């Protein structure tokens, strides 16, 4: 099902996911997977460049696997981060940022089983940006 997150952003999430709004976040979840979506804006290309540089530096310092794609004005940048919740319990986090000239949709996927990663990458790829109403 396609969910509108803001006037500028929407995402396709399978119907097996439940969802709720928590402040400025939309949270989707199903067994073993949680997805946190947050929309934010910046003042233009300089803001996007700063965001991407900071994200890249954070991922490189920790030697994390980086995913980056450019599609027209949209730049997708993400990194995979293993997390230990408590001794013996690990999960994989995919912190994914879909950036446009004046805003970003951050989607953080938390997976109890890394085997679910490919399906979550498809959800990330489904993000659409509708630039209506953005500053020119």
Protein backbone atom coordinates (compact mmCIF):
# COMPACT_ATOMS: atom_id res chain seq x y z
CA UNK A 1 0.00 0.00 0.00
CA UNK A 2 1.27 3.50 -0.81
CA UNK A 3 1.42 5.84 2.21
CA UNK A 4 1.64 9.62 2.00
CA UNK A 5 4.16 10.78 4.61
CA UNK A 6 3.99 14.50 3.74
CA UNK A 7 2.87 16.57 0.74
CA UNK A 8 6.34 15.92 -0.80
CA UNK A 9 7.02 12.28 0.13
CA UNK A 10 5.31 8.88 -0.12
CA UNK A 11 6.40 5.26 0.21
CA UNK A 12 5.09 1.83 -0.79
CA UNK A 13 4.91 -0.54 2.19
CA UNK A 14 3.44 -4.06 2.05
CA UNK A 15 0.04 -4.46 3.67
CA UNK A 16 1.44 -6.89 6.28
CA UNK A 17 2.95 -3.87 8.05
CA UNK A 18 1.02 -2.04 10.72
CA UNK A 19 1.68 1.65 11.19
CA UNK A 20 1.26 4.56 13.56
CA UNK A 21 2.30 8.19 13.85
CA UNK A 22 4.53 9.17 16.75
CA UNK A 23 5.16 12.91 16.73
CA UNK A 24 6.95 13.72 13.49
CA UNK A 25 7.71 10.06 12.74
CA UNK A 26 5.71 7.38 10.98
CA UNK A 27 6.51 3.91 12.24
CA UNK A 28 5.76 0.73 10.28
CA UNK A 29 6.29 -2.72 11.76
CA UNK A 30 5.72 -6.39 11.23
CA UNK A 31 7.27 -9.46 12.80
CA UNK A 32 11.06 -8.97 12.89
CA UNK A 33 11.09 -5.63 11.02
CA UNK A 34 10.56 -2.03 12.08
CA UNK A 35 10.71 0.97 9.74
CA UNK A 36 10.94 4.53 11.07
CA UNK A 37 10.24 7.38 8.60
CA UNK A 38 11.10 11.01 9.25
CA UNK A 39 10.73 13.92 6.81
CA UNK A 40 12.88 17.00 7.21
CA UNK A 41 13.89 19.97 5.09
CA UNK A 42 16.92 22.16 4.54
CA UNK A 43 17.50 25.43 2.71
CA UNK A 44 18.77 24.08 -0.60
CA UNK A 45 21.59 22.25 -2.30
CA UNK A 46 24.21 23.43 0.21
CA UNK A 47 22.14 21.87 3.02
CA UNK A 48 21.90 18.60 1.10
CA UNK A 49 25.64 18.57 0.42
CA UNK A 50 26.36 19.11 4.12
CA UNK A 51 23.95 16.34 5.14
CA UNK A 52 25.45 13.85 2.67
CA UNK A 53 29.02 14.75 3.65
CA UNK A 54 28.22 14.22 7.34
CA UNK A 55 26.48 10.90 6.67
CA UNK A 56 29.35 9.68 4.49
CA UNK A 57 31.93 10.64 7.14
CA UNK A 58 29.95 8.84 9.88
CA UNK A 59 29.70 5.66 7.79
CA UNK A 60 33.34 5.74 6.66
CA UNK A 61 34.68 6.25 10.20
CA UNK A 62 32.79 3.14 11.31
CA UNK A 63 33.75 1.29 8.07
CA UNK A 64 30.10 0.57 7.26
CA UNK A 65 28.79 -0.65 3.90
CA UNK A 66 27.49 2.35 1.93
CA UNK A 67 24.73 2.32 -0.69
CA UNK A 68 24.41 5.32 -3.00
CA UNK A 69 22.26 5.95 -6.08
CA UNK A 70 21.50 9.06 -8.11
CA UNK A 71 18.23 9.31 -10.03
CA UNK A 72 17.70 12.77 -11.56
CA UNK A 73 17.45 15.28 -8.69
CA UNK A 74 17.09 12.49 -6.13
CA UNK A 75 20.16 11.15 -4.31
CA UNK A 76 19.73 8.03 -2.19
CA UNK A 77 22.39 7.45 0.43
CA UNK A 78 22.34 4.72 3.03
CA UNK A 79 24.53 2.56 5.18
CA UNK A 80 24.22 -0.82 6.88
CA UNK A 81 25.01 -0.99 10.57
CA UNK A 82 25.00 -4.15 12.70
CA UNK A 83 23.69 -3.44 16.20
CA UNK A 84 23.94 -5.48 19.39
CA UNK A 85 20.79 -4.84 21.42
CA UNK A 86 22.01 -6.95 24.33
CA UNK A 87 24.51 -9.81 24.56
CA UNK A 88 23.65 -12.46 22.01
CA UNK A 89 20.86 -10.44 20.31
CA UNK A 90 21.87 -8.62 17.15
CA UNK A 91 19.96 -6.84 14.43
CA UNK A 92 20.85 -5.11 11.19
CA UNK A 93 19.99 -1.46 10.69
CA UNK A 94 19.72 0.16 7.27
CA UNK A 95 19.78 3.93 7.65
CA UNK A 96 18.51 5.21 4.30
CA UNK A 97 18.21 8.83 3.19
CA UNK A 98 16.35 9.87 0.05
CA UNK A 99 17.36 13.47 -0.63
CA UNK A 100 15.85 16.10 -2.88
CA UNK A 101 17.04 19.70 -3.38
CA UNK A 102 15.03 21.04 -0.40
CA UNK A 103 14.25 18.03 1.77
CA UNK A 104 14.94 14.47 2.82
CA UNK A 105 13.05 11.37 3.82
CA UNK A 106 15.04 9.36 6.34
CA UNK A 107 13.98 5.74 6.55
CA UNK A 108 15.62 3.57 9.16
CA UNK A 109 14.97 -0.15 8.81
CA UNK A 110 15.65 -2.43 11.79
CA UNK A 111 15.85 -6.13 10.88
CA UNK A 112 16.03 -9.02 13.31
CA UNK A 113 17.16 -11.19 10.36
CA UNK A 114 19.46 -9.85 7.61
CA UNK A 115 17.71 -12.22 5.16
CA UNK A 116 14.93 -9.58 4.96
CA UNK A 117 17.31 -6.91 3.61
CA UNK A 118 16.50 -7.26 -0.11
CA UNK A 119 12.79 -6.68 0.51
CA UNK A 120 13.57 -3.58 2.56
CA UNK A 121 15.80 -2.21 -0.20
CA UNK A 122 12.76 -2.50 -2.50
CA UNK A 123 10.67 -0.51 -0.03
CA UNK A 124 13.38 2.17 0.07
CA UNK A 125 13.46 2.25 -3.75
CA UNK A 126 9.68 2.82 -3.75
CA UNK A 127 10.04 6.24 -2.10
CA UNK A 128 8.65 8.98 -4.33
CA UNK A 129 9.24 12.70 -4.13
CA UNK A 130 6.59 15.18 -5.27
CA UNK A 131 8.24 18.61 -5.36
CA UNK A 132 4.98 20.61 -5.46
CA UNK A 133 5.03 23.44 -2.99
CA UNK A 134 8.79 23.42 -2.50
CA UNK A 135 10.65 26.74 -2.58
CA UNK A 136 12.03 27.66 -6.00
